[in-house]
N, C-alpha and C. Protein backbone atom coordinates (compact mmCIF):
# COMPACT_ATOMS: atom_id res chain seq x y z
N MET A 1 14.15 12.77 5.04
CA MET A 1 13.12 11.77 4.87
C MET A 1 13.52 10.50 5.64
N ARG A 2 12.60 10.03 6.42
CA ARG A 2 12.82 8.80 7.18
C ARG A 2 12.55 7.59 6.29
N LEU A 3 13.15 6.48 6.65
CA LEU A 3 12.91 5.24 5.94
C LEU A 3 11.42 4.88 6.00
N MET A 4 10.79 5.18 7.12
CA MET A 4 9.37 4.88 7.26
C MET A 4 8.50 5.68 6.29
N ASP A 5 9.03 6.78 5.76
CA ASP A 5 8.28 7.57 4.79
C ASP A 5 8.23 6.89 3.43
N ILE A 6 9.13 5.96 3.17
CA ILE A 6 9.19 5.32 1.85
C ILE A 6 9.06 3.80 1.92
N LEU A 7 8.96 3.25 3.12
CA LEU A 7 8.91 1.80 3.29
C LEU A 7 7.64 1.42 4.03
N ARG A 8 7.15 0.23 3.77
CA ARG A 8 6.05 -0.33 4.55
C ARG A 8 6.31 -1.83 4.72
N GLU A 9 5.52 -2.48 5.55
CA GLU A 9 5.77 -3.87 5.91
C GLU A 9 5.94 -4.77 4.69
N SER A 10 5.07 -4.60 3.71
CA SER A 10 5.10 -5.49 2.55
C SER A 10 6.31 -5.25 1.65
N LEU A 11 7.06 -4.19 1.91
CA LEU A 11 8.24 -3.89 1.09
C LEU A 11 9.54 -4.34 1.75
N ILE A 12 9.41 -5.24 2.73
CA ILE A 12 10.58 -5.85 3.35
C ILE A 12 10.52 -7.34 3.02
N LYS A 13 11.50 -7.79 2.27
CA LYS A 13 11.55 -9.20 1.86
C LYS A 13 12.57 -9.94 2.71
N ILE A 14 12.07 -10.81 3.55
CA ILE A 14 12.93 -11.66 4.37
C ILE A 14 13.30 -12.88 3.52
N GLY A 15 14.56 -13.24 3.50
CA GLY A 15 14.97 -14.45 2.78
C GLY A 15 15.31 -14.21 1.33
N ILE A 16 16.17 -13.24 1.07
CA ILE A 16 16.65 -13.03 -0.30
C ILE A 16 17.29 -14.33 -0.77
N GLU A 17 16.96 -14.76 -1.98
CA GLU A 17 17.47 -16.02 -2.51
C GLU A 17 18.76 -15.85 -3.29
N ALA A 18 19.05 -14.65 -3.76
CA ALA A 18 20.23 -14.40 -4.59
C ALA A 18 21.52 -14.70 -3.83
N SER A 19 22.56 -15.03 -4.60
CA SER A 19 23.87 -15.28 -3.98
C SER A 19 24.90 -14.24 -4.40
N ASN A 20 24.51 -13.31 -5.29
CA ASN A 20 25.42 -12.24 -5.68
C ASN A 20 24.63 -10.95 -5.89
N LYS A 21 25.34 -9.85 -6.02
CA LYS A 21 24.68 -8.55 -6.07
C LYS A 21 23.80 -8.37 -7.29
N TRP A 22 24.20 -8.90 -8.44
CA TRP A 22 23.42 -8.70 -9.66
C TRP A 22 22.09 -9.44 -9.58
N ASP A 23 22.12 -10.67 -9.06
CA ASP A 23 20.87 -11.41 -8.89
C ASP A 23 20.01 -10.78 -7.80
N ALA A 24 20.65 -10.23 -6.78
CA ALA A 24 19.89 -9.57 -5.71
C ALA A 24 19.18 -8.33 -6.23
N ILE A 25 19.86 -7.55 -7.06
CA ILE A 25 19.23 -6.37 -7.65
C ILE A 25 18.04 -6.79 -8.50
N ASP A 26 18.22 -7.82 -9.32
CA ASP A 26 17.10 -8.35 -10.12
C ASP A 26 15.94 -8.77 -9.23
N GLU A 27 16.26 -9.50 -8.18
CA GLU A 27 15.23 -10.04 -7.28
C GLU A 27 14.44 -8.90 -6.62
N LEU A 28 15.14 -7.86 -6.17
CA LEU A 28 14.45 -6.76 -5.50
C LEU A 28 13.64 -5.91 -6.48
N ILE A 29 14.14 -5.73 -7.69
CA ILE A 29 13.35 -5.00 -8.70
C ILE A 29 12.08 -5.79 -9.02
N ASP A 30 12.21 -7.10 -9.18
CA ASP A 30 11.02 -7.93 -9.41
C ASP A 30 10.06 -7.86 -8.23
N TYR A 31 10.61 -7.77 -7.04
CA TYR A 31 9.76 -7.64 -5.84
C TYR A 31 8.98 -6.33 -5.87
N LEU A 32 9.62 -5.26 -6.30
CA LEU A 32 8.92 -3.96 -6.43
C LEU A 32 7.81 -4.05 -7.47
N ILE A 33 8.03 -4.81 -8.52
CA ILE A 33 6.98 -5.00 -9.53
C ILE A 33 5.83 -5.80 -8.94
N THR A 34 6.15 -6.88 -8.24
CA THR A 34 5.12 -7.71 -7.59
C THR A 34 4.28 -6.89 -6.61
N GLU A 35 4.93 -5.97 -5.92
CA GLU A 35 4.23 -5.12 -4.94
C GLU A 35 3.61 -3.87 -5.58
N HIS A 36 3.64 -3.81 -6.90
CA HIS A 36 3.02 -2.71 -7.67
C HIS A 36 3.63 -1.34 -7.36
N GLU A 37 4.92 -1.33 -7.06
CA GLU A 37 5.61 -0.07 -6.80
C GLU A 37 6.22 0.51 -8.07
N ILE A 38 6.60 -0.37 -9.00
CA ILE A 38 7.03 0.08 -10.32
C ILE A 38 6.31 -0.78 -11.36
N LYS A 39 6.16 -0.23 -12.53
CA LYS A 39 5.48 -0.94 -13.62
C LYS A 39 6.44 -1.93 -14.26
N ILE A 40 5.90 -3.04 -14.71
CA ILE A 40 6.73 -4.03 -15.40
C ILE A 40 7.37 -3.42 -16.65
N THR A 41 6.68 -2.48 -17.27
CA THR A 41 7.22 -1.84 -18.47
C THR A 41 8.42 -0.94 -18.15
N ASP A 42 8.60 -0.59 -16.87
CA ASP A 42 9.74 0.24 -16.45
C ASP A 42 10.89 -0.60 -15.90
N ARG A 43 10.73 -1.91 -15.89
CA ARG A 43 11.74 -2.79 -15.29
C ARG A 43 13.13 -2.56 -15.87
N GLU A 44 13.24 -2.58 -17.18
CA GLU A 44 14.56 -2.45 -17.81
C GLU A 44 15.19 -1.09 -17.54
N THR A 45 14.37 -0.03 -17.52
CA THR A 45 14.88 1.31 -17.22
C THR A 45 15.45 1.36 -15.81
N VAL A 46 14.70 0.81 -14.87
CA VAL A 46 15.14 0.79 -13.47
C VAL A 46 16.40 -0.08 -13.33
N LEU A 47 16.37 -1.26 -13.94
CA LEU A 47 17.52 -2.16 -13.86
C LEU A 47 18.77 -1.50 -14.44
N ARG A 48 18.65 -0.87 -15.59
CA ARG A 48 19.82 -0.20 -16.20
C ARG A 48 20.38 0.88 -15.29
N ALA A 49 19.49 1.66 -14.67
CA ALA A 49 19.95 2.75 -13.80
C ALA A 49 20.67 2.22 -12.57
N VAL A 50 20.12 1.20 -11.93
CA VAL A 50 20.73 0.64 -10.72
C VAL A 50 22.04 -0.06 -11.07
N VAL A 51 22.05 -0.83 -12.15
CA VAL A 51 23.26 -1.54 -12.55
C VAL A 51 24.36 -0.54 -12.95
N ALA A 52 24.00 0.51 -13.68
CA ALA A 52 25.00 1.52 -14.07
C ALA A 52 25.62 2.15 -12.83
N ARG A 53 24.80 2.48 -11.86
CA ARG A 53 25.31 3.07 -10.61
C ARG A 53 26.22 2.09 -9.90
N GLU A 54 25.81 0.84 -9.85
CA GLU A 54 26.57 -0.19 -9.14
C GLU A 54 27.91 -0.47 -9.84
N LYS A 55 27.92 -0.42 -11.16
CA LYS A 55 29.17 -0.65 -11.90
C LYS A 55 30.15 0.50 -11.72
N SER A 56 29.64 1.69 -11.48
CA SER A 56 30.53 2.84 -11.29
C SER A 56 31.23 2.77 -9.94
N LEU A 57 30.55 2.28 -8.93
CA LEU A 57 31.12 2.12 -7.59
C LEU A 57 30.15 1.28 -6.77
N SER A 58 30.65 0.22 -6.19
CA SER A 58 29.78 -0.66 -5.42
C SER A 58 29.11 0.09 -4.27
N THR A 59 27.86 -0.21 -4.05
CA THR A 59 27.12 0.37 -2.93
C THR A 59 27.16 -0.56 -1.71
N GLY A 60 27.97 -1.62 -1.81
CA GLY A 60 28.20 -2.49 -0.66
C GLY A 60 29.05 -1.75 0.35
N MET A 61 28.51 -1.53 1.52
CA MET A 61 29.19 -0.73 2.53
C MET A 61 29.87 -1.66 3.53
N GLN A 62 29.79 -1.32 4.78
CA GLN A 62 30.34 -2.14 5.86
C GLN A 62 29.19 -2.73 6.66
N HIS A 63 29.52 -3.64 7.54
CA HIS A 63 28.56 -4.22 8.48
C HIS A 63 27.43 -4.98 7.80
N GLY A 64 27.69 -5.50 6.59
CA GLY A 64 26.66 -6.30 5.91
C GLY A 64 25.56 -5.49 5.27
N VAL A 65 25.81 -4.22 4.95
CA VAL A 65 24.80 -3.32 4.40
C VAL A 65 25.16 -2.91 2.98
N ALA A 66 24.17 -2.91 2.10
CA ALA A 66 24.32 -2.37 0.75
C ALA A 66 23.09 -1.52 0.44
N ILE A 67 23.33 -0.43 -0.28
CA ILE A 67 22.22 0.47 -0.65
C ILE A 67 22.27 0.70 -2.16
N PRO A 68 21.93 -0.34 -2.94
CA PRO A 68 21.89 -0.13 -4.38
C PRO A 68 20.78 0.87 -4.73
N HIS A 69 21.08 1.76 -5.68
CA HIS A 69 20.11 2.77 -6.03
C HIS A 69 20.36 3.26 -7.45
N GLY A 70 19.34 3.89 -8.00
CA GLY A 70 19.46 4.47 -9.33
C GLY A 70 18.43 5.56 -9.50
N ALA A 71 18.73 6.50 -10.38
CA ALA A 71 17.82 7.61 -10.67
C ALA A 71 17.22 7.42 -12.05
N VAL A 72 15.90 7.56 -12.13
CA VAL A 72 15.17 7.34 -13.38
C VAL A 72 14.13 8.43 -13.60
N ASP A 73 13.69 8.55 -14.84
CA ASP A 73 12.64 9.51 -15.19
C ASP A 73 11.23 8.93 -15.11
N CYS A 74 11.11 7.61 -14.96
CA CYS A 74 9.80 6.96 -15.08
C CYS A 74 8.99 6.91 -13.78
N ILE A 75 9.49 7.49 -12.70
CA ILE A 75 8.73 7.56 -11.44
C ILE A 75 8.72 9.00 -10.94
N ASP A 76 7.73 9.30 -10.11
CA ASP A 76 7.60 10.65 -9.57
C ASP A 76 8.04 10.77 -8.11
N GLU A 77 8.01 9.65 -7.39
CA GLU A 77 8.38 9.63 -5.98
C GLU A 77 9.37 8.49 -5.74
N VAL A 78 10.12 8.58 -4.66
CA VAL A 78 11.07 7.54 -4.32
C VAL A 78 10.34 6.22 -4.07
N VAL A 79 10.91 5.15 -4.58
CA VAL A 79 10.39 3.81 -4.37
C VAL A 79 11.51 3.01 -3.70
N ALA A 80 11.14 2.23 -2.69
CA ALA A 80 12.16 1.50 -1.95
C ALA A 80 11.67 0.14 -1.50
N CYS A 81 12.61 -0.76 -1.33
CA CYS A 81 12.31 -2.02 -0.64
C CYS A 81 13.58 -2.49 0.05
N MET A 82 13.40 -3.30 1.05
CA MET A 82 14.52 -3.85 1.79
C MET A 82 14.51 -5.36 1.63
N GLY A 83 15.69 -5.90 1.41
CA GLY A 83 15.83 -7.35 1.37
C GLY A 83 16.80 -7.78 2.45
N ILE A 84 16.47 -8.88 3.11
CA ILE A 84 17.34 -9.41 4.16
C ILE A 84 17.75 -10.82 3.76
N SER A 85 19.06 -11.04 3.71
CA SER A 85 19.64 -12.34 3.38
C SER A 85 20.28 -12.91 4.64
N ARG A 86 19.69 -13.94 5.18
CA ARG A 86 20.25 -14.52 6.41
C ARG A 86 21.61 -15.16 6.15
N GLU A 87 21.80 -15.74 4.96
CA GLU A 87 23.07 -16.38 4.64
C GLU A 87 24.14 -15.36 4.28
N GLY A 88 23.73 -14.23 3.77
CA GLY A 88 24.67 -13.22 3.29
C GLY A 88 25.04 -13.50 1.85
N LEU A 89 25.41 -12.44 1.13
CA LEU A 89 25.79 -12.59 -0.26
C LEU A 89 26.92 -11.64 -0.59
N ASP A 90 27.61 -11.93 -1.68
CA ASP A 90 28.74 -11.11 -2.09
C ASP A 90 28.23 -9.87 -2.79
N PHE A 91 28.50 -8.72 -2.22
CA PHE A 91 28.09 -7.44 -2.81
C PHE A 91 29.30 -6.53 -3.01
N GLU A 92 30.48 -7.14 -3.00
CA GLU A 92 31.71 -6.38 -3.17
C GLU A 92 31.77 -5.21 -2.17
N SER A 93 31.50 -5.54 -0.92
CA SER A 93 31.42 -4.52 0.12
C SER A 93 32.80 -3.96 0.48
N LEU A 94 32.78 -2.80 1.09
CA LEU A 94 34.03 -2.13 1.48
C LEU A 94 34.87 -2.98 2.43
N ASP A 95 34.20 -3.71 3.33
CA ASP A 95 34.94 -4.50 4.31
C ASP A 95 35.15 -5.95 3.86
N GLY A 96 34.65 -6.29 2.66
CA GLY A 96 34.83 -7.63 2.12
C GLY A 96 33.95 -8.70 2.76
N LYS A 97 33.07 -8.30 3.65
CA LYS A 97 32.21 -9.25 4.35
C LYS A 97 30.89 -9.43 3.59
N PRO A 98 30.19 -10.54 3.85
CA PRO A 98 28.92 -10.77 3.18
C PRO A 98 27.88 -9.70 3.53
N THR A 99 27.01 -9.44 2.58
CA THR A 99 25.94 -8.46 2.77
C THR A 99 24.67 -9.20 3.20
N HIS A 100 24.05 -8.69 4.24
CA HIS A 100 22.80 -9.27 4.74
C HIS A 100 21.61 -8.33 4.54
N PHE A 101 21.88 -7.04 4.43
CA PHE A 101 20.81 -6.04 4.38
C PHE A 101 20.95 -5.20 3.12
N LEU A 102 19.95 -5.29 2.26
CA LEU A 102 19.95 -4.54 1.01
C LEU A 102 18.78 -3.56 1.03
N MET A 103 19.09 -2.33 0.81
CA MET A 103 18.06 -1.29 0.73
C MET A 103 18.08 -0.76 -0.69
N LEU A 104 17.14 -1.20 -1.52
CA LEU A 104 17.08 -0.76 -2.90
C LEU A 104 16.24 0.51 -2.99
N LEU A 105 16.82 1.54 -3.58
CA LEU A 105 16.12 2.81 -3.77
C LEU A 105 16.07 3.16 -5.25
N VAL A 106 14.89 3.51 -5.72
CA VAL A 106 14.71 4.02 -7.07
C VAL A 106 14.23 5.45 -6.89
N ILE A 107 15.01 6.39 -7.42
CA ILE A 107 14.80 7.81 -7.13
C ILE A 107 14.50 8.55 -8.42
N PRO A 108 13.52 9.45 -8.40
CA PRO A 108 13.28 10.28 -9.60
C PRO A 108 14.52 11.11 -9.90
N LYS A 109 14.91 11.16 -11.17
CA LYS A 109 16.13 11.90 -11.54
C LYS A 109 16.10 13.34 -11.06
N ASN A 110 14.94 13.97 -11.16
CA ASN A 110 14.86 15.38 -10.79
C ASN A 110 14.86 15.62 -9.28
N LYS A 111 14.88 14.54 -8.49
CA LYS A 111 14.87 14.70 -7.04
C LYS A 111 16.07 14.01 -6.37
N PHE A 112 17.05 13.59 -7.17
CA PHE A 112 18.14 12.80 -6.61
C PHE A 112 18.90 13.56 -5.52
N GLN A 113 19.27 14.79 -5.77
CA GLN A 113 20.05 15.56 -4.80
C GLN A 113 19.34 15.68 -3.45
N SER A 114 18.02 15.79 -3.48
CA SER A 114 17.27 15.94 -2.23
C SER A 114 17.25 14.65 -1.42
N HIS A 115 17.69 13.54 -2.01
CA HIS A 115 17.66 12.27 -1.29
C HIS A 115 19.03 11.78 -0.85
N VAL A 116 20.05 12.59 -1.03
CA VAL A 116 21.38 12.22 -0.54
C VAL A 116 21.33 12.05 0.98
N LYS A 117 20.58 12.91 1.67
CA LYS A 117 20.43 12.78 3.13
C LYS A 117 19.71 11.49 3.50
N THR A 118 18.78 11.06 2.66
CA THR A 118 18.08 9.80 2.91
C THR A 118 19.06 8.64 2.86
N LEU A 119 19.94 8.63 1.86
CA LEU A 119 20.96 7.58 1.76
C LEU A 119 21.84 7.57 3.01
N ALA A 120 22.27 8.74 3.42
CA ALA A 120 23.13 8.85 4.61
C ALA A 120 22.38 8.40 5.87
N GLY A 121 21.11 8.75 5.98
CA GLY A 121 20.31 8.35 7.14
C GLY A 121 20.13 6.85 7.22
N ILE A 122 19.92 6.22 6.07
CA ILE A 122 19.78 4.76 6.04
C ILE A 122 21.09 4.11 6.49
N ALA A 123 22.21 4.63 6.00
CA ALA A 123 23.51 4.10 6.40
C ALA A 123 23.72 4.24 7.90
N ARG A 124 23.37 5.39 8.45
CA ARG A 124 23.51 5.59 9.91
C ARG A 124 22.60 4.65 10.68
N LEU A 125 21.36 4.52 10.23
CA LEU A 125 20.40 3.65 10.91
C LEU A 125 20.93 2.22 10.97
N LEU A 126 21.43 1.72 9.85
CA LEU A 126 21.89 0.34 9.78
C LEU A 126 23.31 0.16 10.31
N ASN A 127 23.87 1.20 10.86
CA ASN A 127 25.20 1.12 11.48
C ASN A 127 25.12 0.47 12.86
N SER A 128 23.93 0.39 13.42
CA SER A 128 23.74 -0.18 14.76
C SER A 128 23.79 -1.71 14.71
N ASP A 129 24.77 -2.29 15.40
CA ASP A 129 24.90 -3.75 15.44
C ASP A 129 23.66 -4.39 16.06
N SER A 130 23.14 -3.79 17.10
CA SER A 130 21.95 -4.32 17.76
C SER A 130 20.76 -4.35 16.79
N LEU A 131 20.57 -3.28 16.06
CA LEU A 131 19.46 -3.22 15.10
C LEU A 131 19.65 -4.27 14.01
N ARG A 132 20.86 -4.39 13.49
CA ARG A 132 21.12 -5.37 12.44
C ARG A 132 20.85 -6.79 12.93
N GLN A 133 21.24 -7.09 14.15
CA GLN A 133 20.99 -8.43 14.69
C GLN A 133 19.49 -8.70 14.84
N GLN A 134 18.76 -7.70 15.31
CA GLN A 134 17.31 -7.86 15.43
C GLN A 134 16.67 -8.10 14.06
N LEU A 135 17.09 -7.32 13.05
CA LEU A 135 16.54 -7.46 11.71
C LEU A 135 16.89 -8.81 11.11
N LEU A 136 18.12 -9.25 11.31
CA LEU A 136 18.56 -10.51 10.75
C LEU A 136 17.73 -11.68 11.25
N HIS A 137 17.23 -11.57 12.47
CA HIS A 137 16.44 -12.65 13.06
C HIS A 137 14.94 -12.38 13.04
N SER A 138 14.52 -11.36 12.30
CA SER A 138 13.10 -11.05 12.20
C SER A 138 12.37 -12.17 11.46
N PRO A 139 11.24 -12.61 12.01
CA PRO A 139 10.51 -13.69 11.36
C PRO A 139 9.68 -13.22 10.15
N SER A 140 9.46 -11.92 10.04
CA SER A 140 8.59 -11.42 8.96
C SER A 140 8.91 -9.97 8.64
N GLY A 141 8.41 -9.52 7.51
CA GLY A 141 8.54 -8.12 7.15
C GLY A 141 7.86 -7.22 8.16
N ASP A 142 6.72 -7.66 8.69
CA ASP A 142 6.01 -6.88 9.71
C ASP A 142 6.89 -6.66 10.94
N ALA A 143 7.54 -7.73 11.39
CA ALA A 143 8.40 -7.63 12.58
C ALA A 143 9.60 -6.73 12.29
N ALA A 144 10.20 -6.87 11.12
CA ALA A 144 11.33 -6.02 10.75
C ALA A 144 10.92 -4.56 10.68
N PHE A 145 9.75 -4.31 10.12
CA PHE A 145 9.24 -2.95 10.01
C PHE A 145 9.07 -2.33 11.40
N ALA A 146 8.52 -3.09 12.33
CA ALA A 146 8.31 -2.61 13.69
C ALA A 146 9.65 -2.26 14.36
N ILE A 147 10.66 -3.05 14.11
CA ILE A 147 11.99 -2.79 14.67
C ILE A 147 12.55 -1.48 14.12
N ILE A 148 12.44 -1.30 12.81
CA ILE A 148 12.93 -0.07 12.18
C ILE A 148 12.13 1.13 12.66
N GLU A 149 10.83 0.97 12.74
CA GLU A 149 9.96 2.07 13.20
C GLU A 149 10.34 2.52 14.60
N GLU A 150 10.59 1.57 15.47
CA GLU A 150 10.99 1.89 16.85
C GLU A 150 12.32 2.64 16.86
N GLU A 151 13.27 2.15 16.09
CA GLU A 151 14.59 2.79 16.04
C GLU A 151 14.50 4.20 15.46
N GLU A 152 13.69 4.37 14.44
CA GLU A 152 13.55 5.68 13.80
C GLU A 152 12.78 6.68 14.65
N SER A 153 12.11 6.20 15.67
CA SER A 153 11.38 7.14 16.53
C SER A 153 12.35 8.02 17.32
N ARG A 154 13.60 7.62 17.31
CA ARG A 154 14.65 8.43 17.93
C ARG A 154 15.14 9.43 16.88
N ASP A 155 14.96 10.69 17.12
CA ASP A 155 15.21 11.72 16.13
C ASP A 155 16.67 11.89 15.72
N PHE A 156 17.62 11.39 16.49
CA PHE A 156 19.02 11.67 16.18
C PHE A 156 19.47 11.09 14.85
N PHE A 157 18.76 10.12 14.28
CA PHE A 157 19.15 9.55 12.99
C PHE A 157 18.91 10.52 11.84
N TRP A 158 17.96 11.42 11.99
CA TRP A 158 17.50 12.19 10.83
C TRP A 158 17.76 13.68 10.96
N GLN A 159 18.68 14.06 11.82
CA GLN A 159 18.99 15.48 11.97
C GLN A 159 20.04 15.92 10.98
């Protein structure tokens, strides 16, 4: 599954306000509610799942990328949003550097295994320094989406 299969322009939030991973997770879950991707009544379920996963092992990777995620029973399809923090925030990343790119995924429990490749594909996609620099300076979610769409048009990311 490509990122474009689960993301759209309005699901990219430029200018994350949080300064730490817990506030960033809250902010992105609230953003999914605002965008009508998850129900407000499911907020606590989603938050518990993502926080539990994050407490077990940080999803802060290298190169300013984090992919917080959780599996829940209250959705039928993968829900995702991307947050971009120009200042960077502490996400307890593997390399100890600030996180600028957060890809929040909420995955149906019964489909989690089928999305392990999606997680790996997102990590590979955001491994490109050139792509990260373009995204970091994107003026809008629309512009960021176009950058990702162009990069994903190259099939080697999803093989």
